[in-house]
Amino acid sequence: MTIKRNGDANGAPEINRFVAVLQAPTAHSFLMSQRFALEAARFWARRLHAYADQMETLAHCSNVDEFTNAQTRFVERLQRDYAEEGAAFTDLLGSAGKMEADERAEV
């Protein structure tokens, strides 16, 4: 396979231009958007799994006490999950701010 050349004096392959674009500030934004998307997907997969588990648990309840306990555990897990997700997004935002500050320091 041949490498396309961009025609500059050094004859550098076009891939160098692509790498330069990835190193631009927009690359950090793209990277952070992907991290946010992955974190959101992870969270919703966890929550949907919890909802499915809850339906199965409720189907096996044979009295009001079991039902109430199952609902209580579900709500407690829901609160923990949302608290953990808030912390995860706070960490992501902190890392985004740090990346931005590091980038400014380099310039």
PDB file of N, CA and C in Angstrom:
ATOM      1  N   MET A   1       0.851  -1.177   0.000  1.00  0.00           N
ATOM      2  CA  MET A   1       0.000   0.000   0.000  1.00  0.00           C
ATOM      3  C   MET A   1       0.890   1.232   0.000  1.00  0.00           C
ATOM      4  N   THR A   2       0.583   2.185  -0.808  1.00  0.00           N
ATOM      5  CA  THR A   2       1.393   3.402  -0.881  1.00  0.00           C
ATOM      6  C   THR A   2       0.793   4.474   0.011  1.00  0.00           C
ATOM      7  N   ILE A   3       1.660   5.346   0.495  1.00  0.00           N
ATOM      8  CA  ILE A   3       1.219   6.455   1.334  1.00  0.00           C
ATOM      9  C   ILE A   3       1.033   7.663   0.437  1.00  0.00           C
ATOM     10  N   LYS A   4      -0.124   8.299   0.550  1.00  0.00           N
ATOM     11  CA  LYS A   4      -0.348   9.519  -0.213  1.00  0.00           C
ATOM     12  C   LYS A   4       0.493  10.630   0.384  1.00  0.00           C
ATOM     13  N   ARG A   5       1.033  11.429  -0.477  1.00  0.00           N
ATOM     14  CA  ARG A   5       1.852  12.553  -0.027  1.00  0.00           C
ATOM     15  C   ARG A   5       1.056  13.827  -0.197  1.00  0.00           C
ATOM     16  N   ASN A   6       1.301  14.776   0.702  1.00  0.00           N
ATOM     17  CA  ASN A   6       0.553  16.030   0.644  1.00  0.00           C
ATOM     18  C   ASN A   6       1.244  17.091  -0.196  1.00  0.00           C
ATOM     19  N   GLY A   7       2.407  16.796  -0.693  1.00  0.00           N
ATOM     20  CA  GLY A   7       3.063  17.717  -1.597  1.00  0.00           C
ATOM     21  C   GLY A   7       3.869  18.808  -0.925  1.00  0.00           C
ATOM     22  N   ASP A   8       4.054  18.757   0.404  1.00  0.00           N
ATOM     23  CA  ASP A   8       4.870  19.787   1.030  1.00  0.00           C
ATOM     24  C   ASP A   8       6.351  19.490   0.789  1.00  0.00           C
ATOM     25  N   ALA A   9       7.198  20.398   1.193  1.00  0.00           N
ATOM     26  CA  ALA A   9       8.629  20.282   0.903  1.00  0.00           C
ATOM     27  C   ALA A   9       9.258  19.045   1.527  1.00  0.00           C
ATOM     28  N   ASN A  10       8.761  18.622   2.661  1.00  0.00           N
ATOM     29  CA  ASN A  10       9.331  17.468   3.339  1.00  0.00           C
ATOM     30  C   ASN A  10       8.768  16.150   2.831  1.00  0.00           C
ATOM     31  N   GLY A  11       7.719  16.213   2.051  1.00  0.00           N
ATOM     32  CA  GLY A  11       7.097  14.998   1.545  1.00  0.00           C
ATOM     33  C   GLY A  11       6.442  14.185   2.663  1.00  0.00           C
ATOM     34  N   ALA A  12       5.994  14.844   3.736  1.00  0.00           N
ATOM     35  CA  ALA A  12       5.366  14.139   4.863  1.00  0.00           C
ATOM     36  C   ALA A  12       4.028  13.560   4.427  1.00  0.00           C
ATOM     37  N   PRO A  13       3.728  12.373   4.892  1.00  0.00           N
ATOM     38  CA  PRO A  13       2.452  11.766   4.524  1.00  0.00           C
ATOM     39  C   PRO A  13       1.268  12.554   5.089  1.00  0.00           C
ATOM     40  N   GLU A  14       0.112  12.380   4.442  1.00  0.00           N
ATOM     41  CA  GLU A  14      -1.102  13.077   4.873  1.00  0.00           C
ATOM     42  C   GLU A  14      -1.492  12.708   6.293  1.00  0.00           C
ATOM     43  N   ILE A  15      -1.048  11.578   6.751  1.00  0.00           N
ATOM     44  CA  ILE A  15      -1.383  11.156   8.105  1.00  0.00           C
ATOM     45  C   ILE A  15      -0.875  12.169   9.124  1.00  0.00           C
ATOM     46  N   ASN A  16       0.225  12.847   8.833  1.00  0.00           N
ATOM     47  CA  ASN A  16       0.743  13.863   9.756  1.00  0.00           C
ATOM     48  C   ASN A  16      -0.240  15.004   9.931  1.00  0.00           C
ATOM     49  N   ARG A  17      -0.928  15.370   8.860  1.00  0.00           N
ATOM     50  CA  ARG A  17      -1.952  16.413   8.964  1.00  0.00           C
ATOM     51  C   ARG A  17      -3.093  15.943   9.854  1.00  0.00           C
ATOM     52  N   PHE A  18      -3.467  14.679   9.707  1.00  0.00           N
ATOM     53  CA  PHE A  18      -4.533  14.109  10.521  1.00  0.00           C
ATOM     54  C   PHE A  18      -4.141  14.105  11.993  1.00  0.00           C
ATOM     55  N   VAL A  19      -2.908  13.729  12.273  1.00  0.00           N
ATOM     56  CA  VAL A  19      -2.416  13.724  13.658  1.00  0.00           C
ATOM     57  C   VAL A  19      -2.407  15.140  14.209  1.00  0.00           C
ATOM     58  N   ALA A  20      -2.020  16.107  13.397  1.00  0.00           N
ATOM     59  CA  ALA A  20      -2.007  17.499  13.845  1.00  0.00           C
ATOM     60  C   ALA A  20      -3.410  17.963  14.212  1.00  0.00           C
ATOM     61  N   VAL A  21      -4.398  17.553  13.439  1.00  0.00           N
ATOM     62  CA  VAL A  21      -5.781  17.919  13.739  1.00  0.00           C
ATOM     63  C   VAL A  21      -6.212  17.302  15.061  1.00  0.00           C
ATOM     64  N   LEU A  22      -5.807  16.052  15.291  1.00  0.00           N
ATOM     65  CA  LEU A  22      -6.172  15.385  16.541  1.00  0.00           C
ATOM     66  C   LEU A  22      -5.516  16.026  17.754  1.00  0.00           C
ATOM     67  N   GLN A  23      -4.404  16.683  17.555  1.00  0.00           N
ATOM     68  CA  GLN A  23      -3.718  17.324  18.667  1.00  0.00           C
ATOM     69  C   GLN A  23      -4.251  18.723  18.934  1.00  0.00           C
ATOM     70  N   ALA A  24      -5.144  19.192  18.104  1.00  0.00           N
ATOM     71  CA  ALA A  24      -5.718  20.518  18.273  1.00  0.00           C
ATOM     72  C   ALA A  24      -6.686  20.521  19.465  1.00  0.00           C
ATOM     73  N   PRO A  25      -7.061  21.700  19.936  1.00  0.00           N
ATOM     74  CA  PRO A  25      -7.997  21.792  21.063  1.00  0.00           C
ATOM     75  C   PRO A  25      -9.306  21.050  20.826  1.00  0.00           C
ATOM     76  N   THR A  26      -9.741  20.977  19.587  1.00  0.00           N
ATOM     77  CA  THR A  26     -10.992  20.269  19.305  1.00  0.00           C
ATOM     78  C   THR A  26     -10.876  18.784  19.619  1.00  0.00           C
ATOM     79  N   ALA A  27      -9.675  18.256  19.555  1.00  0.00           N
ATOM     80  CA  ALA A  27      -9.479  16.841  19.877  1.00  0.00           C
ATOM     81  C   ALA A  27      -9.808  16.584  21.341  1.00  0.00           C
ATOM     82  N   HIS A  28      -9.438  17.508  22.214  1.00  0.00           N
ATOM     83  CA  HIS A  28      -9.764  17.357  23.632  1.00  0.00           C
ATOM     84  C   HIS A  28     -11.278  17.392  23.835  1.00  0.00           C
ATOM     85  N   SER A  29     -11.941  18.270  23.115  1.00  0.00           N
ATOM     86  CA  SER A  29     -13.402  18.345  23.212  1.00  0.00           C
ATOM     87  C   SER A  29     -14.036  17.050  22.737  1.00  0.00           C
ATOM     88  N   PHE A  30     -13.526  16.532  21.635  1.00  0.00           N
ATOM     89  CA  PHE A  30     -14.057  15.276  21.114  1.00  0.00           C
ATOM     90  C   PHE A  30     -13.821  14.146  22.108  1.00  0.00           C
ATOM     91  N   LEU A  31     -12.614  14.085  22.659  1.00  0.00           N
ATOM     92  CA  LEU A  31     -12.282  13.057  23.633  1.00  0.00           C
ATOM     93  C   LEU A  31     -13.194  13.150  24.852  1.00  0.00           C
ATOM     94  N   MET A  32     -13.413  14.347  25.346  1.00  0.00           N
ATOM     95  CA  MET A  32     -14.276  14.516  26.518  1.00  0.00           C
ATOM     96  C   MET A  32     -15.717  14.143  26.184  1.00  0.00           C
ATOM     97  N   SER A  33     -16.193  14.491  25.000  1.00  0.00           N
ATOM     98  CA  SER A  33     -17.568  14.125  24.636  1.00  0.00           C
ATOM     99  C   SER A  33     -17.717  12.608  24.585  1.00  0.00           C
ATOM    100  N   GLN A  34     -16.672  11.926  24.134  1.00  0.00           N
ATOM    101  CA  GLN A  34     -16.714  10.468  24.099  1.00  0.00           C
ATOM    102  C   GLN A  34     -16.691   9.882  25.506  1.00  0.00           C
ATOM    103  N   ARG A  35     -15.919  10.483  26.385  1.00  0.00           N
ATOM    104  CA  ARG A  35     -15.889  10.017  27.779  1.00  0.00           C
ATOM    105  C   ARG A  35     -17.249  10.206  28.444  1.00  0.00           C
ATOM    106  N   PHE A  36     -17.882  11.352  28.191  1.00  0.00           N
ATOM    107  CA  PHE A  36     -19.220  11.589  28.741  1.00  0.00           C
ATOM    108  C   PHE A  36     -20.220  10.579  28.192  1.00  0.00           C
ATOM    109  N   ALA A  37     -20.150  10.315  26.896  1.00  0.00           N
ATOM    110  CA  ALA A  37     -21.074   9.363  26.281  1.00  0.00           C
ATOM    111  C   ALA A  37     -20.872   7.959  26.851  1.00  0.00           C
ATOM    112  N   LEU A  38     -19.633   7.554  27.024  1.00  0.00           N
ATOM    113  CA  LEU A  38     -19.362   6.226  27.590  1.00  0.00           C
ATOM    114  C   LEU A  38     -19.842   6.121  29.031  1.00  0.00           C
ATOM    115  N   GLU A  39     -19.628   7.166  29.793  1.00  0.00           N
ATOM    116  CA  GLU A  39     -20.072   7.152  31.190  1.00  0.00           C
ATOM    117  C   GLU A  39     -21.595   7.101  31.264  1.00  0.00           C
ATOM    118  N   ALA A  40     -22.263   7.875  30.427  1.00  0.00           N
ATOM    119  CA  ALA A  40     -23.724   7.856  30.415  1.00  0.00           C
ATOM    120  C   ALA A  40     -24.251   6.482  30.003  1.00  0.00           C
ATOM    121  N   ALA A  41     -23.626   5.884  29.012  1.00  0.00           N
ATOM    122  CA  ALA A  41     -24.050   4.553  28.565  1.00  0.00           C
ATOM    123  C   ALA A  41     -23.833   3.517  29.664  1.00  0.00           C
ATOM    124  N   ARG A  42     -22.696   3.619  30.356  1.00  0.00           N
ATOM    125  CA  ARG A  42     -22.428   2.703  31.459  1.00  0.00           C
ATOM    126  C   ARG A  42     -23.481   2.848  32.559  1.00  0.00           C
ATOM    127  N   PHE A  43     -23.799   4.088  32.886  1.00  0.00           N
ATOM    128  CA  PHE A  43     -24.790   4.346  33.926  1.00  0.00           C
ATOM    129  C   PHE A  43     -26.156   3.796  33.540  1.00  0.00           C
ATOM    130  N   TRP A  44     -26.607   4.091  32.327  1.00  0.00           N
ATOM    131  CA  TRP A  44     -27.944   3.647  31.930  1.00  0.00           C
ATOM    132  C   TRP A  44     -28.020   2.135  31.772  1.00  0.00           C
ATOM    133  N   ALA A  45     -26.940   1.515  31.358  1.00  0.00           N
ATOM    134  CA  ALA A  45     -26.925   0.048  31.304  1.00  0.00           C
ATOM    135  C   ALA A  45     -27.091  -0.519  32.713  1.00  0.00           C
ATOM    136  N   ARG A  46     -26.402   0.079  33.673  1.00  0.00           N
ATOM    137  CA  ARG A  46     -26.519  -0.356  35.069  1.00  0.00           C
ATOM    138  C   ARG A  46     -27.945  -0.159  35.582  1.00  0.00           C
ATOM    139  N   ARG A  47     -28.520   0.986  35.304  1.00  0.00           N
ATOM    140  CA  ARG A  47     -29.878   1.268  35.791  1.00  0.00           C
ATOM    141  C   ARG A  47     -30.907   0.351  35.127  1.00  0.00           C
ATOM    142  N   LEU A  48     -30.798   0.151  33.841  1.00  0.00           N
ATOM    143  CA  LEU A  48     -31.757  -0.724  33.155  1.00  0.00           C
ATOM    144  C   LEU A  48     -31.652  -2.151  33.669  1.00  0.00           C
ATOM    145  N   HIS A  49     -30.437  -2.571  33.956  1.00  0.00           N
ATOM    146  CA  HIS A  49     -30.240  -3.898  34.546  1.00  0.00           C
ATOM    147  C   HIS A  49     -30.911  -3.964  35.919  1.00  0.00           C
ATOM    148  N   ALA A  50     -30.789  -2.888  36.687  1.00  0.00           N
ATOM    149  CA  ALA A  50     -31.419  -2.835  38.018  1.00  0.00           C
ATOM    150  C   ALA A  50     -32.942  -2.897  37.896  1.00  0.00           C
ATOM    151  N   TYR A  51     -33.505  -2.215  36.907  1.00  0.00           N
ATOM    152  CA  TYR A  51     -34.960  -2.273  36.700  1.00  0.00           C
ATOM    153  C   TYR A  51     -35.399  -3.691  36.339  1.00  0.00           C
ATOM    154  N   ALA A  52     -34.645  -4.339  35.479  1.00  0.00           N
ATOM    155  CA  ALA A  52     -34.981  -5.715  35.089  1.00  0.00           C
ATOM    156  C   ALA A  52     -34.887  -6.643  36.304  1.00  0.00           C
ATOM    157  N   ASP A  53     -33.835  -6.490  37.092  1.00  0.00           N
ATOM    158  CA  ASP A  53     -33.693  -7.287  38.310  1.00  0.00           C
ATOM    159  C   ASP A  53     -34.858  -7.039  39.260  1.00  0.00           C
ATOM    160  N   GLN A  54     -35.273  -5.790  39.364  1.00  0.00           N
ATOM    161  CA  GLN A  54     -36.364  -5.448  40.274  1.00  0.00           C
ATOM    162  C   GLN A  54     -37.671  -6.116  39.848  1.00  0.00           C
ATOM    163  N   MET A  55     -37.949  -6.145  38.567  1.00  0.00           N
ATOM    164  CA  MET A  55     -39.179  -6.795  38.101  1.00  0.00           C
ATOM    165  C   MET A  55     -39.161  -8.291  38.452  1.00  0.00           C
ATOM    166  N   GLU A  56     -37.996  -8.902  38.297  1.00  0.00           N
ATOM    167  CA  GLU A  56     -37.875 -10.316  38.641  1.00  0.00           C
ATOM    168  C   GLU A  56     -38.040 -10.527  40.147  1.00  0.00           C
ATOM    169  N   THR A  57     -37.441  -9.654  40.926  1.00  0.00           N
ATOM    170  CA  THR A  57     -37.554  -9.749  42.383  1.00  0.00           C
ATOM    171  C   THR A  57     -39.004  -9.576  42.823  1.00  0.00           C
ATOM    172  N   LEU A  58     -39.681  -8.581  42.265  1.00  0.00           N
ATOM    173  CA  LEU A  58     -41.076  -8.334  42.646  1.00  0.00           C
ATOM    174  C   LEU A  58     -41.975  -9.506  42.258  1.00  0.00           C
ATOM    175  N   ALA A  59     -41.661 -10.144  41.167  1.00  0.00           N
ATOM    176  CA  ALA A  59     -42.472 -11.280  40.725  1.00  0.00           C
ATOM    177  C   ALA A  59     -42.381 -12.446  41.704  1.00  0.00           C
ATOM    178  N   HIS A  60     -41.301 -12.510  42.459  1.00  0.00           N
ATOM    179  CA  HIS A  60     -41.120 -13.603  43.416  1.00  0.00           C
ATOM    180  C   HIS A  60     -41.582 -13.260  44.833  1.00  0.00           C
ATOM    181  N   CYS A  61     -42.052 -12.034  45.046  1.00  0.00           N
ATOM    182  CA  CYS A  61     -42.523 -11.646  46.373  1.00  0.00           C
ATOM    183  C   CYS A  61     -43.843 -12.347  46.674  1.00  0.00           C
ATOM    184  N   SER A  62     -43.950 -12.866  47.891  1.00  0.00           N
ATOM    185  CA  SER A  62     -45.174 -13.594  48.250  1.00  0.00           C
ATOM    186  C   SER A  62     -45.992 -12.871  49.302  1.00  0.00           C
ATOM    187  N   ASN A  63     -45.458 -11.767  49.851  1.00  0.00           N
ATOM    188  CA  ASN A  63     -46.257 -11.001  50.805  1.00  0.00           C
ATOM    189  C   ASN A  63     -45.828  -9.532  50.770  1.00  0.00           C
ATOM    190  N   VAL A  64     -46.562  -8.721  51.501  1.00  0.00           N
ATOM    191  CA  VAL A  64     -46.332  -7.278  51.483  1.00  0.00           C
ATOM    192  C   VAL A  64     -44.967  -6.920  52.052  1.00  0.00           C
ATOM    193  N   ASP A  65     -44.526  -7.605  53.079  1.00  0.00           N
ATOM    194  CA  ASP A  65     -43.220  -7.305  53.673  1.00  0.00           C
ATOM    195  C   ASP A  65     -42.083  -7.541  52.683  1.00  0.00           C
ATOM    196  N   GLU A  66     -42.133  -8.648  51.955  1.00  0.00           N
ATOM    197  CA  GLU A  66     -41.108  -8.911  50.934  1.00  0.00           C
ATOM    198  C   GLU A  66     -41.135  -7.830  49.860  1.00  0.00           C
ATOM    199  N   PHE A  67     -42.327  -7.472  49.443  1.00  0.00           N
ATOM    200  CA  PHE A  67     -42.487  -6.435  48.424  1.00  0.00           C
ATOM    201  C   PHE A  67     -41.902  -5.108  48.912  1.00  0.00           C
ATOM    202  N   THR A  68     -42.245  -4.719  50.135  1.00  0.00           N
ATOM    203  CA  THR A  68     -41.761  -3.456  50.699  1.00  0.00           C
ATOM    204  C   THR A  68     -40.243  -3.465  50.837  1.00  0.00           C
ATOM    205  N   ASN A  69     -39.695  -4.565  51.316  1.00  0.00           N
ATOM    206  CA  ASN A  69     -38.235  -4.671  51.450  1.00  0.00           C
ATOM    207  C   ASN A  69     -37.543  -4.606  50.092  1.00  0.00           C
ATOM    208  N   ALA A  70     -38.116  -5.265  49.108  1.00  0.00           N
ATOM    209  CA  ALA A  70     -37.539  -5.238  47.757  1.00  0.00           C
ATOM    210  C   ALA A  70     -37.561  -3.816  47.197  1.00  0.00           C
ATOM    211  N   GLN A  71     -38.660  -3.115  47.391  1.00  0.00           N
ATOM    212  CA  GLN A  71     -38.763  -1.735  46.900  1.00  0.00           C
ATOM    213  C   GLN A  71     -37.777  -0.826  47.636  1.00  0.00           C
ATOM    214  N   THR A  72     -37.630  -1.042  48.929  1.00  0.00           N
ATOM    215  CA  THR A  72     -36.687  -0.235  49.715  1.00  0.00           C
ATOM    216  C   THR A  72     -35.264  -0.439  49.216  1.00  0.00           C
ATOM    217  N   ARG A  73     -34.878  -1.686  49.015  1.00  0.00           N
ATOM    218  CA  ARG A  73     -33.530  -1.970  48.498  1.00  0.00           C
ATOM    219  C   ARG A  73     -33.330  -1.359  47.110  1.00  0.00           C
ATOM    220  N   PHE A  74     -34.370  -1.422  46.292  1.00  0.00           N
ATOM    221  CA  PHE A  74     -34.282  -0.860  44.947  1.00  0.00           C
ATOM    222  C   PHE A  74     -34.052   0.652  45.000  1.00  0.00           C
ATOM    223  N   VAL A  75     -34.810   1.336  45.837  1.00  0.00           N
ATOM    224  CA  VAL A  75     -34.674   2.791  45.939  1.00  0.00           C
ATOM    225  C   VAL A  75     -33.310   3.161  46.523  1.00  0.00           C
ATOM    226  N   GLU A  76     -32.831   2.388  47.488  1.00  0.00           N
ATOM    227  CA  GLU A  76     -31.505   2.652  48.049  1.00  0.00           C
ATOM    228  C   GLU A  76     -30.422   2.473  46.985  1.00  0.00           C
ATOM    229  N   ARG A  77     -30.557   1.431  46.182  1.00  0.00           N
ATOM    230  CA  ARG A  77     -29.586   1.214  45.103  1.00  0.00           C
ATOM    231  C   ARG A  77     -29.669   2.349  44.076  1.00  0.00           C
ATOM    232  N   LEU A  78     -30.880   2.778  43.785  1.00  0.00           N
ATOM    233  CA  LEU A  78     -31.084   3.882  42.845  1.00  0.00           C
ATOM    234  C   LEU A  78     -30.383   5.137  43.349  1.00  0.00           C
ATOM    235  N   GLN A  79     -30.545   5.435  44.633  1.00  0.00           N
ATOM    236  CA  GLN A  79     -29.901   6.615  45.200  1.00  0.00           C
ATOM    237  C   GLN A  79     -28.377   6.497  45.145  1.00  0.00           C
ATOM    238  N   ARG A  80     -27.848   5.326  45.463  1.00  0.00           N
ATOM    239  CA  ARG A  80     -26.398   5.115  45.386  1.00  0.00           C
ATOM    240  C   ARG A  80     -25.891   5.284  43.959  1.00  0.00           C
ATOM    241  N   ASP A  81     -26.626   4.689  43.012  1.00  0.00           N
ATOM    242  CA  ASP A  81     -26.207   4.786  41.606  1.00  0.00           C
ATOM    243  C   ASP A  81     -26.167   6.231  41.133  1.00  0.00           C
ATOM    244  N   TYR A  82     -27.201   7.006  41.462  1.00  0.00           N
ATOM    245  CA  TYR A  82     -27.229   8.402  41.035  1.00  0.00           C
ATOM    246  C   TYR A  82     -26.142   9.218  41.727  1.00  0.00           C
ATOM    247  N   ALA A  83     -25.882   8.930  43.004  1.00  0.00           N
ATOM    248  CA  ALA A  83     -24.807   9.638  43.711  1.00  0.00           C
ATOM    249  C   ALA A  83     -23.451   9.309  43.078  1.00  0.00           C
ATOM    250  N   GLU A  84     -23.228   8.030  42.768  1.00  0.00           N
ATOM    251  CA  GLU A  84     -21.978   7.626  42.129  1.00  0.00           C
ATOM    252  C   GLU A  84     -21.845   8.243  40.741  1.00  0.00           C
ATOM    253  N   GLU A  85     -22.957   8.332  40.031  1.00  0.00           N
ATOM    254  CA  GLU A  85     -22.909   8.923  38.694  1.00  0.00           C
ATOM    255  C   GLU A  85     -22.601  10.409  38.770  1.00  0.00           C
ATOM    256  N   GLY A  86     -23.176  11.074  39.755  1.00  0.00           N
ATOM    257  CA  GLY A  86     -22.857  12.492  39.950  1.00  0.00           C
ATOM    258  C   GLY A  86     -21.376  12.682  40.220  1.00  0.00           C
ATOM    259  N   ALA A  87     -20.809  11.814  41.054  1.00  0.00           N
ATOM    260  CA  ALA A  87     -19.371  11.888  41.353  1.00  0.00           C
ATOM    261  C   ALA A  87     -18.539  11.594  40.109  1.00  0.00           C
ATOM    262  N   ALA A  88     -18.978  10.627  39.306  1.00  0.00           N
ATOM    263  CA  ALA A  88     -18.233  10.287  38.083  1.00  0.00           C
ATOM    264  C   ALA A  88     -18.226  11.465  37.106  1.00  0.00           C
ATOM    265  N   PHE A  89     -19.366  12.134  36.953  1.00  0.00           N
ATOM    266  CA  PHE A  89     -19.420  13.279  36.051  1.00  0.00           C
ATOM    267  C   PHE A  89     -18.633  14.458  36.613  1.00  0.00           C
ATOM    268  N   THR A  90     -18.634  14.611  37.928  1.00  0.00           N
ATOM    269  CA  THR A  90     -17.818  15.660  38.546  1.00  0.00           C
ATOM    270  C   THR A  90     -16.341  15.408  38.254  1.00  0.00           C
ATOM    271  N   ASP A  91     -15.916  14.150  38.371  1.00  0.00           N
ATOM    272  CA  ASP A  91     -14.535  13.792  38.053  1.00  0.00           C
ATOM    273  C   ASP A  91     -14.219  14.068  36.587  1.00  0.00           C
ATOM    274  N   LEU A  92     -15.154  13.720  35.711  1.00  0.00           N
ATOM    275  CA  LEU A  92     -14.942  13.978  34.281  1.00  0.00           C
ATOM    276  C   LEU A  92     -14.811  15.475  34.009  1.00  0.00           C
ATOM    277  N   LEU A  93     -15.669  16.253  34.632  1.00  0.00           N
ATOM    278  CA  LEU A  93     -15.593  17.701  34.438  1.00  0.00           C
ATOM    279  C   LEU A  93     -14.284  18.247  34.985  1.00  0.00           C
ATOM    280  N   GLY A  94     -13.830  17.705  36.099  1.00  0.00           N
ATOM    281  CA  GLY A  94     -12.549  18.129  36.665  1.00  0.00           C
ATOM    282  C   GLY A  94     -11.388  17.794  35.746  1.00  0.00           C
ATOM    283  N   SER A  95     -11.444  16.598  35.149  1.00  0.00           N
ATOM    284  CA  SER A  95     -10.368  16.221  34.231  1.00  0.00           C
ATOM    285  C   SER A  95     -10.425  17.058  32.957  1.00  0.00           C
ATOM    286  N   ALA A  96     -11.631  17.446  32.542  1.00  0.00           N
ATOM    287  CA  ALA A  96     -11.752  18.310  31.363  1.00  0.00           C
ATOM    288  C   ALA A  96     -11.144  19.673  31.655  1.00  0.00           C
ATOM    289  N   GLY A  97     -11.401  20.199  32.844  1.00  0.00           N
ATOM    290  CA  GLY A  97     -10.819  21.489  33.225  1.00  0.00           C
ATOM    291  C   GLY A  97      -9.311  21.415  33.312  1.00  0.00           C
ATOM    292  N   LYS A  98      -8.800  20.302  33.834  1.00  0.00           N
ATOM    293  CA  LYS A  98      -7.350  20.125  33.941  1.00  0.00           C
ATOM    294  C   LYS A  98      -6.722  20.038  32.556  1.00  0.00           C
ATOM    295  N   MET A  99      -7.362  19.310  31.640  1.00  0.00           N
ATOM    296  CA  MET A  99      -6.834  19.204  30.274  1.00  0.00           C
ATOM    297  C   MET A  99      -6.793  20.576  29.626  1.00  0.00           C
ATOM    298  N   GLU A 100      -7.854  21.361  29.855  1.00  0.00           N
ATOM    299  CA  GLU A 100      -7.922  22.686  29.265  1.00  0.00           C
ATOM    300  C   GLU A 100      -6.834  23.596  29.848  1.00  0.00           C
ATOM    301  N   ALA A 101      -6.632  23.512  31.164  1.00  0.00           N
ATOM    302  CA  ALA A 101      -5.599  24.344  31.812  1.00  0.00           C
ATOM    303  C   ALA A 101      -4.210  23.934  31.326  1.00  0.00           C
ATOM    304  N   ASP A 102      -3.966  22.642  31.207  1.00  0.00           N
ATOM    305  CA  ASP A 102      -2.672  22.153  30.698  1.00  0.00           C
ATOM    306  C   ASP A 102      -2.427  22.635  29.281  1.00  0.00           C
ATOM    307  N   GLU A 103      -3.490  22.631  28.501  1.00  0.00           N
ATOM    308  CA  GLU A 103      -3.359  23.071  27.103  1.00  0.00           C
ATOM    309  C   GLU A 103      -3.016  24.554  27.040  1.00  0.00           C
ATOM    310  N   ARG A 104      -3.655  25.345  27.883  1.00  0.00           N
ATOM    311  CA  ARG A 104      -3.363  26.785  27.904  1.00  0.00           C
ATOM    312  C   ARG A 104      -1.922  27.039  28.345  1.00  0.00           C
ATOM    313  N   ALA A 105      -1.447  26.242  29.302  1.00  0.00           N
ATOM    314  CA  ALA A 105      -0.077  26.408  29.804  1.00  0.00           C
ATOM    315  C   ALA A 105       0.955  26.108  28.721  1.00  0.00           C
ATOM    316  N   GLU A 106       0.619  25.182  27.827  1.00  0.00           N
ATOM    317  CA  GLU A 106       1.543  24.820  26.746  1.00  0.00           C
ATOM    318  C   GLU A 106       1.679  25.923  25.719  1.00  0.00           C
ATOM    319  N   VAL A 107       0.622  26.717  25.562  1.00  0.00           N
ATOM    320  CA  VAL A 107       0.626  27.771  24.538  1.00  0.00           C
ATOM    321  C   VAL A 107       1.341  28.958  25.012  1.00  0.00           C
TER     322      VAL A 107
END
